C-alpha atoms as a PDB file:
ATOM      1  CA  MET A   1      -0.009  -0.003   0.060  1.00  0.00           C
ATOM      2  CA  ARG A   2       1.292   3.545  -0.773  1.00  0.00           C
ATOM      3  CA  ILE A   3       2.220   5.577   2.295  1.00  0.00           C
ATOM      4  CA  GLU A   4       0.097   8.308   1.013  1.00  0.00           C
ATOM      5  CA  ASP A   5      -3.051   5.914   1.476  1.00  0.00           C
ATOM      6  CA  ARG A   6      -1.740   3.913   4.428  1.00  0.00           C
ATOM      7  CA  ASN A   7      -1.119   7.213   6.527  1.00  0.00           C
ATOM      8  CA  ASN A   8      -3.967   9.103   5.025  1.00  0.00           C
ATOM      9  CA  VAL A   9      -1.727  11.887   3.775  1.00  0.00           C
ATOM     10  CA  ARG A  10      -3.330  15.278   3.065  1.00  0.00           C
ATOM     11  CA  VAL A  11      -1.167  18.087   1.020  1.00  0.00           C
ATOM     12  CA  ASN A  12      -2.493  21.718   0.976  1.00  0.00           C
ATOM     13  CA  GLU A  13      -0.739  23.876  -1.401  1.00  0.00           C
ATOM     14  CA  ARG A  14       0.004  27.577   0.031  1.00  0.00           C
ATOM     15  CA  SER A  15      -2.809  29.998  -0.769  1.00  0.00           C
ATOM     16  CA  GLY A  16      -0.385  33.104  -1.088  1.00  0.00           C
ATOM     17  CA  ALA A  17       3.271  33.951  -1.760  1.00  0.00           C
ATOM     18  CA  PRO A  18       5.989  31.983  -0.355  1.00  0.00           C
ATOM     19  CA  LEU A  19       8.338  33.746   2.331  1.00  0.00           C
ATOM     20  CA  ALA A  20      11.705  34.699   0.825  1.00  0.00           C
ATOM     21  CA  GLY A  21      14.208  32.035   1.042  1.00  0.00           C
ATOM     22  CA  ALA A  22      11.910  29.825   3.294  1.00  0.00           C
ATOM     23  CA  ALA A  23      11.723  26.187   3.261  1.00  0.00           C
ATOM     24  CA  ALA A  24       8.486  25.512   1.310  1.00  0.00           C
ATOM     25  CA  THR A  25       6.983  22.782   3.163  1.00  0.00           C
ATOM     26  CA  MET A  26       5.672  22.252   6.583  1.00  0.00           C
ATOM     27  CA  VAL A  27       4.834  18.641   7.900  1.00  0.00           C
ATOM     28  CA  PHE A  28       2.693  18.254  11.158  1.00  0.00           C
ATOM     29  CA  MET A  29       2.771  15.040  13.028  1.00  0.00           C
ATOM     30  CA  HIS A  30       0.106  14.612  15.701  1.00  0.00           C
ATOM     31  CA  GLY A  31       0.233  12.892  19.310  1.00  0.00           C
ATOM     32  CA  PHE A  32      -1.037  10.109  21.128  1.00  0.00           C
ATOM     33  CA  GLY A  33      -4.822   9.489  20.796  1.00  0.00           C
ATOM     34  CA  CYS A  34      -5.182  12.118  18.167  1.00  0.00           C
ATOM     35  CA  ASP A  35      -5.178  12.334  14.493  1.00  0.00           C
ATOM     36  CA  GLN A  36      -4.438  15.209  11.884  1.00  0.00           C
ATOM     37  CA  THR A  37      -7.791  17.077  12.543  1.00  0.00           C
ATOM     38  CA  MET A  38      -6.102  18.139  15.818  1.00  0.00           C
ATOM     39  CA  TRP A  39      -4.101  20.549  13.694  1.00  0.00           C
ATOM     40  CA  ARG A  40      -7.101  22.583  12.479  1.00  0.00           C
ATOM     41  CA  TYR A  41      -6.649  25.548  14.727  1.00  0.00           C
ATOM     42  CA  LEU A  42      -2.749  25.947  14.008  1.00  0.00           C
ATOM     43  CA  GLU A  43      -2.021  24.545  10.456  1.00  0.00           C
ATOM     44  CA  PRO A  44      -4.213  26.842   8.481  1.00  0.00           C
ATOM     45  CA  LEU A  45      -2.359  29.868   9.866  1.00  0.00           C
ATOM     46  CA  PHE A  46       0.600  28.729   8.044  1.00  0.00           C
ATOM     47  CA  ARG A  47      -0.932  28.088   4.692  1.00  0.00           C
ATOM     48  CA  PRO A  48      -0.774  31.499   3.278  1.00  0.00           C
ATOM     49  CA  HIS A  49       3.136  31.203   2.907  1.00  0.00           C
ATOM     50  CA  TYR A  50       3.680  27.298   3.316  1.00  0.00           C
ATOM     51  CA  ARG A  51       2.749  24.077   1.614  1.00  0.00           C
ATOM     52  CA  THR A  52       1.473  22.025   4.435  1.00  0.00           C
ATOM     53  CA  VAL A  53       1.424  18.487   4.874  1.00  0.00           C
ATOM     54  CA  LEU A  54      -0.926  16.417   7.268  1.00  0.00           C
ATOM     55  CA  PHE A  55      -0.975  12.827   7.945  1.00  0.00           C
ATOM     56  CA  ASP A  56      -2.275  10.046  10.388  1.00  0.00           C
ATOM     57  CA  LEU A  57      -0.002   8.002  12.598  1.00  0.00           C
ATOM     58  CA  VAL A  58      -0.626   4.209  11.758  1.00  0.00           C
ATOM     59  CA  GLY A  59      -3.296   3.103  14.039  1.00  0.00           C
ATOM     60  CA  SER A  60      -4.709   6.633  14.497  1.00  0.00           C
ATOM     61  CA  GLY A  61      -7.480   8.357  12.580  1.00  0.00           C
ATOM     62  CA  ALA A  62      -8.147   7.221   9.061  1.00  0.00           C
ATOM     63  CA  SER A  63      -4.836   5.402   8.653  1.00  0.00           C
ATOM     64  CA  ASP A  64      -4.947   1.865   7.728  1.00  0.00           C
ATOM     65  CA  GLN A  65      -5.634   0.203  10.881  1.00  0.00           C
ATOM     66  CA  GLY A  66      -4.339  -3.227   9.633  1.00  0.00           C
ATOM     67  CA  ALA A  67      -0.801  -1.874   9.112  1.00  0.00           C
ATOM     68  CA  TYR A  68      -0.395  -1.463  12.951  1.00  0.00           C
ATOM     69  CA  ASP A  69       2.433  -4.133  13.716  1.00  0.00           C
ATOM     70  CA  PHE A  70       2.484  -4.484  17.552  1.00  0.00           C
ATOM     71  CA  ASP A  71       6.227  -5.608  17.201  1.00  0.00           C
ATOM     72  CA  ARG A  72       7.281  -2.893  14.865  1.00  0.00           C
ATOM     73  CA  TYR A  73       5.386   0.060  16.636  1.00  0.00           C
ATOM     74  CA  ALA A  74       7.023  -0.979  20.097  1.00  0.00           C
ATOM     75  CA  ARG A  75       9.604   1.760  19.208  1.00  0.00           C
ATOM     76  CA  LEU A  76       9.204   5.268  18.240  1.00  0.00           C
ATOM     77  CA  ASP A  77      11.663   4.840  15.553  1.00  0.00           C
ATOM     78  CA  ALA A  78       8.867   3.086  13.472  1.00  0.00           C
ATOM     79  CA  HIS A  79       6.760   6.295  13.493  1.00  0.00           C
ATOM     80  CA  GLY A  80       9.961   8.328  12.670  1.00  0.00           C
ATOM     81  CA  ALA A  81      10.698   5.880   9.825  1.00  0.00           C
ATOM     82  CA  ASP A  82       6.994   6.663   8.695  1.00  0.00           C
ATOM     83  CA  LEU A  83       7.513  10.468   8.764  1.00  0.00           C
ATOM     84  CA  ARG A  84      10.630  10.258   6.634  1.00  0.00           C
ATOM     85  CA  ARG A  85       8.532   8.009   4.199  1.00  0.00           C
ATOM     86  CA  VAL A  86       5.941  10.535   4.175  1.00  0.00           C
ATOM     87  CA  ILE A  87       8.257  13.599   3.401  1.00  0.00           C
ATOM     88  CA  HIS A  88       9.859  11.597   0.373  1.00  0.00           C
ATOM     89  CA  ALA A  89       6.383  10.686  -0.854  1.00  0.00           C
ATOM     90  CA  VAL A  90       5.397  14.534  -1.062  1.00  0.00           C
ATOM     91  CA  GLY A  91       8.635  15.491  -2.738  1.00  0.00           C
ATOM     92  CA  GLY A  92      11.468  15.405  -0.016  1.00  0.00           C
ATOM     93  CA  GLY A  93      13.056  17.842   2.152  1.00  0.00           C
ATOM     94  CA  PRO A  94      14.214  20.024   3.761  1.00  0.00           C
ATOM     95  CA  VAL A  95      10.988  20.497   5.498  1.00  0.00           C
ATOM     96  CA  ILE A  96       9.790  22.166   8.809  1.00  0.00           C
ATOM     97  CA  CYS A  97       8.649  19.550  10.905  1.00  0.00           C
ATOM     98  CA  VAL A  98       5.905  20.304  13.733  1.00  0.00           C
ATOM     99  CA  GLY A  99       5.430  17.405  16.208  1.00  0.00           C
ATOM    100  CA  HIS A 100       3.392  17.434  19.138  1.00  0.00           C
ATOM    101  CA  SER A 101       4.051  15.476  22.422  1.00  0.00           C
ATOM    102  CA  VAL A 102       5.310  12.009  21.800  1.00  0.00           C
ATOM    103  CA  SER A 103       5.487  12.636  17.993  1.00  0.00           C
ATOM    104  CA  ALA A 104       8.234  15.421  18.685  1.00  0.00           C
ATOM    105  CA  MET A 105      10.456  12.504  19.968  1.00  0.00           C
ATOM    106  CA  SER A 106       9.755  10.378  16.792  1.00  0.00           C
ATOM    107  CA  ALA A 107      10.379  13.201  14.505  1.00  0.00           C
ATOM    108  CA  LEU A 108      13.741  13.769  16.346  1.00  0.00           C
ATOM    109  CA  LEU A 109      14.713  10.408  15.656  1.00  0.00           C
ATOM    110  CA  ALA A 110      13.745  10.730  12.074  1.00  0.00           C
ATOM    111  CA  THR A 111      15.993  14.035  12.078  1.00  0.00           C
ATOM    112  CA  ILE A 112      19.009  12.391  13.557  1.00  0.00           C
ATOM    113  CA  ALA A 113      18.510   9.470  10.975  1.00  0.00           C
ATOM    114  CA  GLU A 114      18.161  11.531   7.929  1.00  0.00           C
ATOM    115  CA  PRO A 115      19.140  15.459   8.708  1.00  0.00           C
ATOM    116  CA  ASP A 116      19.103  16.395   5.205  1.00  0.00           C
ATOM    117  CA  LEU A 117      15.239  16.020   5.058  1.00  0.00           C
ATOM    118  CA  PHE A 118      14.675  18.682   7.827  1.00  0.00           C
ATOM    119  CA  ALA A 119      15.231  22.415   7.800  1.00  0.00           C
ATOM    120  CA  ALA A 120      13.972  22.977  11.267  1.00  0.00           C
ATOM    121  CA  GLN A 121      11.739  21.094  13.940  1.00  0.00           C
ATOM    122  CA  VAL A 122       9.109  22.562  16.216  1.00  0.00           C
ATOM    123  CA  MET A 123       8.303  20.480  19.488  1.00  0.00           C
ATOM    124  CA  LEU A 124       5.264  21.116  20.945  1.00  0.00           C
ATOM    125  CA  ALA A 125       4.905  19.807  24.520  1.00  0.00           C
ATOM    126  CA  PRO A 126       7.661  17.372  24.093  1.00  0.00           C
ATOM    127  CA  SER A 127       9.236  14.972  26.640  1.00  0.00           C
ATOM    128  CA  PRO A 128      12.119  12.890  26.007  1.00  0.00           C
ATOM    129  CA  CYS A 129      11.514  10.846  29.310  1.00  0.00           C
ATOM    130  CA  TYR A 130       8.111  10.912  31.238  1.00  0.00           C
ATOM    131  CA  ILE A 131       9.457   9.010  34.427  1.00  0.00           C
ATOM    132  CA  ASP A 132      11.580  10.794  37.309  1.00  0.00           C
ATOM    133  CA  ASP A 133      15.183   9.842  37.615  1.00  0.00           C
ATOM    134  CA  ALA A 134      16.275  10.956  40.911  1.00  0.00           C
ATOM    135  CA  ALA A 135      19.737   9.771  40.354  1.00  0.00           C
ATOM    136  CA  ALA A 136      20.193  11.838  37.381  1.00  0.00           C
ATOM    137  CA  GLY A 137      18.404  14.611  38.902  1.00  0.00           C
ATOM    138  CA  TYR A 138      15.943  14.478  36.085  1.00  0.00           C
ATOM    139  CA  ARG A 139      12.108  15.303  36.744  1.00  0.00           C
ATOM    140  CA  GLY A 140      10.036  13.740  34.101  1.00  0.00           C
ATOM    141  CA  GLY A 141       6.622  14.432  35.984  1.00  0.00           C
ATOM    142  CA  PHE A 142       5.738  10.745  36.805  1.00  0.00           C
ATOM    143  CA  SER A 143       6.948   7.747  38.929  1.00  0.00           C
ATOM    144  CA  ARG A 144       6.964   4.339  37.509  1.00  0.00           C
ATOM    145  CA  ALA A 145       4.073   3.471  39.727  1.00  0.00           C
ATOM    146  CA  ASP A 146       2.179   6.234  38.096  1.00  0.00           C
ATOM    147  CA  ILE A 147       2.716   4.810  34.755  1.00  0.00           C
ATOM    148  CA  ASP A 148       1.733   1.367  35.645  1.00  0.00           C
ATOM    149  CA  ASP A 149      -1.404   2.523  37.182  1.00  0.00           C
ATOM    150  CA  LEU A 150      -2.213   4.438  34.039  1.00  0.00           C
ATOM    151  CA  LEU A 151      -1.809   1.359  31.848  1.00  0.00           C
ATOM    152  CA  ASP A 152      -3.795  -0.674  34.274  1.00  0.00           C
ATOM    153  CA  ALA A 153      -6.435   1.904  34.277  1.00  0.00           C
ATOM    154  CA  MET A 154      -6.568   1.726  30.508  1.00  0.00           C
ATOM    155  CA  ASP A 155      -6.793  -2.107  30.471  1.00  0.00           C
ATOM    156  CA  SER A 156      -9.765  -2.213  32.836  1.00  0.00           C
ATOM    157  CA  ASN A 157     -11.838   0.401  31.489  1.00  0.00           C
ATOM    158  CA  TYR A 158     -10.459   2.117  28.412  1.00  0.00           C
ATOM    159  CA  LEU A 159     -13.492   4.445  27.719  1.00  0.00           C
ATOM    160  CA  GLY A 160     -13.829   5.532  31.344  1.00  0.00           C
ATOM    161  CA  TRP A 161      -9.915   6.343  31.267  1.00  0.00           C
ATOM    162  CA  SER A 162     -10.587   8.388  28.285  1.00  0.00           C
ATOM    163  CA  ALA A 163     -13.447  10.204  29.784  1.00  0.00           C
ATOM    164  CA  GLY A 164     -11.240  11.090  32.958  1.00  0.00           C
ATOM    165  CA  MET A 165      -7.976  11.679  31.212  1.00  0.00           C
ATOM    166  CA  ALA A 166      -8.726  13.663  28.115  1.00  0.00           C
ATOM    167  CA  PRO A 167     -10.233  16.875  29.944  1.00  0.00           C
ATOM    168  CA  ALA A 168      -7.162  16.816  32.205  1.00  0.00           C
ATOM    169  CA  ILE A 169      -4.546  16.362  29.437  1.00  0.00           C
ATOM    170  CA  MET A 170      -6.505  19.234  27.303  1.00  0.00           C
ATOM    171  CA  GLY A 171      -6.509  21.712  30.238  1.00  0.00           C
ATOM    172  CA  ALA A 172      -7.863  24.725  28.597  1.00  0.00           C
ATOM    173  CA  PRO A 173     -10.137  26.156  31.365  1.00  0.00           C
ATOM    174  CA  GLY A 174     -13.164  27.800  29.840  1.00  0.00           C
ATOM    175  CA  GLN A 175     -13.033  25.757  26.738  1.00  0.00           C
ATOM    176  CA  PRO A 176     -14.575  22.435  27.810  1.00  0.00           C
ATOM    177  CA  ALA A 177     -15.427  21.544  24.004  1.00  0.00           C
ATOM    178  CA  LEU A 178     -11.707  20.937  23.632  1.00  0.00           C
ATOM    179  CA  GLY A 179     -11.636  18.431  26.270  1.00  0.00           C
ATOM    180  CA  ASP A 180     -14.574  16.676  24.698  1.00  0.00           C
ATOM    181  CA  ASP A 181     -12.985  16.723  21.281  1.00  0.00           C
ATOM    182  CA  LEU A 182      -9.911  14.880  22.747  1.00  0.00           C
ATOM    183  CA  MET A 183     -11.990  12.403  24.626  1.00  0.00           C
ATOM    184  CA  ASN A 184     -13.906  11.681  21.348  1.00  0.00           C
ATOM    185  CA  SER A 185     -10.666  11.103  19.566  1.00  0.00           C
ATOM    186  CA  PHE A 186      -9.383   8.830  22.213  1.00  0.00           C
ATOM    187  CA  CYS A 187     -12.622   6.823  21.980  1.00  0.00           C
ATOM    188  CA  ARG A 188     -12.149   6.513  18.206  1.00  0.00           C
ATOM    189  CA  THR A 189      -8.934   4.755  18.702  1.00  0.00           C
ATOM    190  CA  ASP A 190      -8.917   1.007  18.961  1.00  0.00           C
ATOM    191  CA  PRO A 191      -8.215   0.437  22.600  1.00  0.00           C
ATOM    192  CA  ALA A 192      -5.594  -2.203  22.051  1.00  0.00           C
ATOM    193  CA  ILE A 193      -3.688   0.036  19.741  1.00  0.00           C
ATOM    194  CA  ALA A 194      -4.134   3.086  22.355  1.00  0.00           C
ATOM    195  CA  ARG A 195      -2.834   0.793  25.265  1.00  0.00           C
ATOM    196  CA  HIS A 196       0.149  -0.229  23.289  1.00  0.00           C
ATOM    197  CA  PHE A 197       1.178   3.098  22.098  1.00  0.00           C
ATOM    198  CA  ALA A 198       0.702   4.527  25.422  1.00  0.00           C
ATOM    199  CA  GLN A 199       3.078   1.952  26.864  1.00  0.00           C
ATOM    200  CA  THR A 200       5.542   2.843  23.968  1.00  0.00           C
ATOM    201  CA  THR A 201       5.264   6.411  24.824  1.00  0.00           C
ATOM    202  CA  PHE A 202       5.406   6.626  28.608  1.00  0.00           C
ATOM    203  CA  LEU A 203       8.372   3.920  29.007  1.00  0.00           C
ATOM    204  CA  SER A 204      10.350   5.614  26.325  1.00  0.00           C
ATOM    205  CA  ASP A 205      13.632   7.315  27.251  1.00  0.00           C
ATOM    206  CA  HIS A 206      15.404   9.208  24.686  1.00  0.00           C
ATOM    207  CA  ARG A 207      17.501  11.539  26.779  1.00  0.00           C
ATOM    208  CA  ALA A 208      20.819   9.862  25.429  1.00  0.00           C
ATOM    209  CA  ILE A 209      20.080  10.870  21.673  1.00  0.00           C
ATOM    210  CA  LEU A 210      19.442  14.575  22.315  1.00  0.00           C
ATOM    211  CA  PRO A 211      22.972  15.749  21.958  1.00  0.00           C
ATOM    212  CA  ARG A 212      23.024  13.968  18.543  1.00  0.00           C
ATOM    213  CA  ASN A 213      20.604  16.448  16.803  1.00  0.00           C
ATOM    214  CA  SER A 214      22.118  18.969  14.612  1.00  0.00           C
ATOM    215  CA  THR A 215      18.705  20.685  13.258  1.00  0.00           C
ATOM    216  CA  PRO A 216      17.709  23.976  14.724  1.00  0.00           C
ATOM    217  CA  ALA A 217      14.780  23.245  17.216  1.00  0.00           C
ATOM    218  CA  LEU A 218      12.234  25.128  18.886  1.00  0.00           C
ATOM    219  CA  ILE A 219      10.728  23.604  22.181  1.00  0.00           C
ATOM    220  CA  VAL A 220       7.196  25.034  22.958  1.00  0.00           C
ATOM    221  CA  GLN A 221       5.945  24.219  26.451  1.00  0.00           C
ATOM    222  CA  CYS A 222       2.959  25.347  28.329  1.00  0.00           C
ATOM    223  CA  SER A 223       3.341  27.228  31.689  1.00  0.00           C
ATOM    224  CA  ASP A 224       1.091  24.545  33.315  1.00  0.00           C
ATOM    225  CA  ASP A 225       1.345  21.103  31.913  1.00  0.00           C
ATOM    226  CA  PHE A 226       1.303  18.023  34.260  1.00  0.00           C
ATOM    227  CA  ILE A 227       2.146  15.657  31.235  1.00  0.00           C
ATOM    228  CA  ALA A 228       5.331  17.614  30.304  1.00  0.00           C
ATOM    229  CA  PRO A 229       6.129  20.064  33.046  1.00  0.00           C
ATOM    230  CA  PRO A 230       8.268  23.200  32.516  1.00  0.00           C
ATOM    231  CA  SER A 231      11.319  21.447  34.144  1.00  0.00           C
ATOM    232  CA  VAL A 232      11.135  19.215  30.918  1.00  0.00           C
ATOM    233  CA  GLY A 233      11.336  22.076  28.638  1.00  0.00           C
ATOM    234  CA  GLU A 234      14.405  23.490  30.314  1.00  0.00           C
ATOM    235  CA  TYR A 235      16.209  20.213  30.277  1.00  0.00           C
ATOM    236  CA  LEU A 236      15.402  19.821  26.557  1.00  0.00           C
ATOM    237  CA  ARG A 237      16.777  23.306  25.920  1.00  0.00           C
ATOM    238  CA  GLU A 238      19.976  22.417  27.880  1.00  0.00           C
ATOM    239  CA  MET A 239      20.610  19.195  26.146  1.00  0.00           C
ATOM    240  CA  LEU A 240      19.309  19.787  22.383  1.00  0.00           C
ATOM    241  CA  PRO A 241      22.029  21.705  20.402  1.00  0.00           C
ATOM    242  CA  ARG A 242      20.815  24.719  18.266  1.00  0.00           C
ATOM    243  CA  SER A 243      17.542  24.835  20.290  1.00  0.00           C
ATOM    244  CA  SER A 244      15.372  27.340  22.035  1.00  0.00           C
ATOM    245  CA  LEU A 245      12.576  27.316  24.410  1.00  0.00           C
ATOM    246  CA  HIS A 246       9.415  29.371  24.443  1.00  0.00           C
ATOM    247  CA  VAL A 247       6.812  28.815  27.243  1.00  0.00           C
ATOM    248  CA  VAL A 248       3.341  29.673  26.501  1.00  0.00           C
ATOM    249  CA  ASP A 249       1.118  31.012  29.255  1.00  0.00           C
ATOM    250  CA  ASN A 250      -1.370  28.211  29.097  1.00  0.00           C
ATOM    251  CA  VAL A 251      -2.896  25.379  30.980  1.00  0.00           C
ATOM    252  CA  GLY A 252      -2.850  21.895  29.450  1.00  0.00           C
ATOM    253  CA  HIS A 253      -0.898  19.720  27.012  1.00  0.00           C
ATOM    254  CA  CYS A 254      -2.187  20.862  23.589  1.00  0.00           C
ATOM    255  CA  PRO A 255      -1.007  24.426  22.787  1.00  0.00           C
ATOM    256  CA  HIS A 256      -2.010  24.093  19.152  1.00  0.00           C
ATOM    257  CA  MET A 257      -5.604  23.520  20.170  1.00  0.00           C
ATOM    258  CA  SER A 258      -6.022  25.661  23.134  1.00  0.00           C
ATOM    259  CA  ALA A 259      -3.536  28.469  22.528  1.00  0.00           C
ATOM    260  CA  PRO A 260      -3.019  28.298  18.602  1.00  0.00           C
ATOM    261  CA  ASP A 261      -2.427  32.084  18.229  1.00  0.00           C
ATOM    262  CA  ALA A 262       0.305  32.148  20.741  1.00  0.00           C
ATOM    263  CA  SER A 263       1.699  29.009  19.347  1.00  0.00           C
ATOM    264  CA  TYR A 264       1.679  30.436  15.952  1.00  0.00           C
ATOM    265  CA  ARG A 265       3.536  33.546  17.116  1.00  0.00           C
ATOM    266  CA  ALA A 266       6.321  31.557  18.824  1.00  0.00           C
ATOM    267  CA  ILE A 267       6.784  29.460  15.840  1.00  0.00           C
ATOM    268  CA  ARG A 268       6.811  32.441  13.248  1.00  0.00           C
ATOM    269  CA  ARG A 269       9.482  34.297  15.495  1.00  0.00           C
ATOM    270  CA  PHE A 270      11.695  31.214  15.440  1.00  0.00           C
ATOM    271  CA  LEU A 271      11.367  30.528  11.719  1.00  0.00           C
ATOM    272  CA  ASP A 272      11.947  34.272  10.998  1.00  0.00           C
ATOM    273  CA  GLY A 273      15.144  34.233  13.054  1.00  0.00           C
ATOM    274  CA  LEU A 274      16.438  31.215  11.037  1.00  0.00           C
ATOM    275  CA  HIS A 275      16.216  33.019   7.775  1.00  0.00           C
ATOM    276  CA  LEU A 276      15.622  29.683   6.099  1.00  0.00           C
END
């Protein structure tokens, strides 16, 4: 099956003039339990000057559900490899990649594996490791027991877990419809795939690869995010070469949905400063 069909790839040509010297294409990679529709508040803001590419991770949205291989996708490298295939399929790089949450790490793996495909990377609410490591002085936000409890809750009652966790993950006080939107997205995901992807996500640790990145990176963290607390953004800024950190005054883990204008401005400033 073509990658364009397997991953439900959608390409939007820019509606206006390109920015002088800018990389022409932006690729958006959604996070856990989501699909490409979650970019509908942020991605259109870039269309006047960029060709944009949206796709669904295998096992999510309108992707080919049958292509989800539990052995292959037990590592984030597999989603990173899919991203590289998508980029090649739509014309190659270098592209600007915007990844949310766990997909920021999948995109980082892809960037390290094939740096010529990437002009810049934008990481929205990323985390290289979700579990605290007291010995290394690292605070990821969760204990291993917390993660085990989360996975057990998904096993026992996935729909109930989705109803409780989605509003907490979204945050966005005063915008309850966004929490409902995320809950519905969780509920559309096959529970077995969601549980497997959650385990892959929350037990991953990519701290060791951070110094290997050579592509300019913007880290966008929310000021109040229990999934990826501000300390994680500071750690990434310290460990990622050629990176900068922008903190959005926002509650929740999805700034592209609950604070799209602030996220756009941060990304725009970053890209303008690179003179791509």
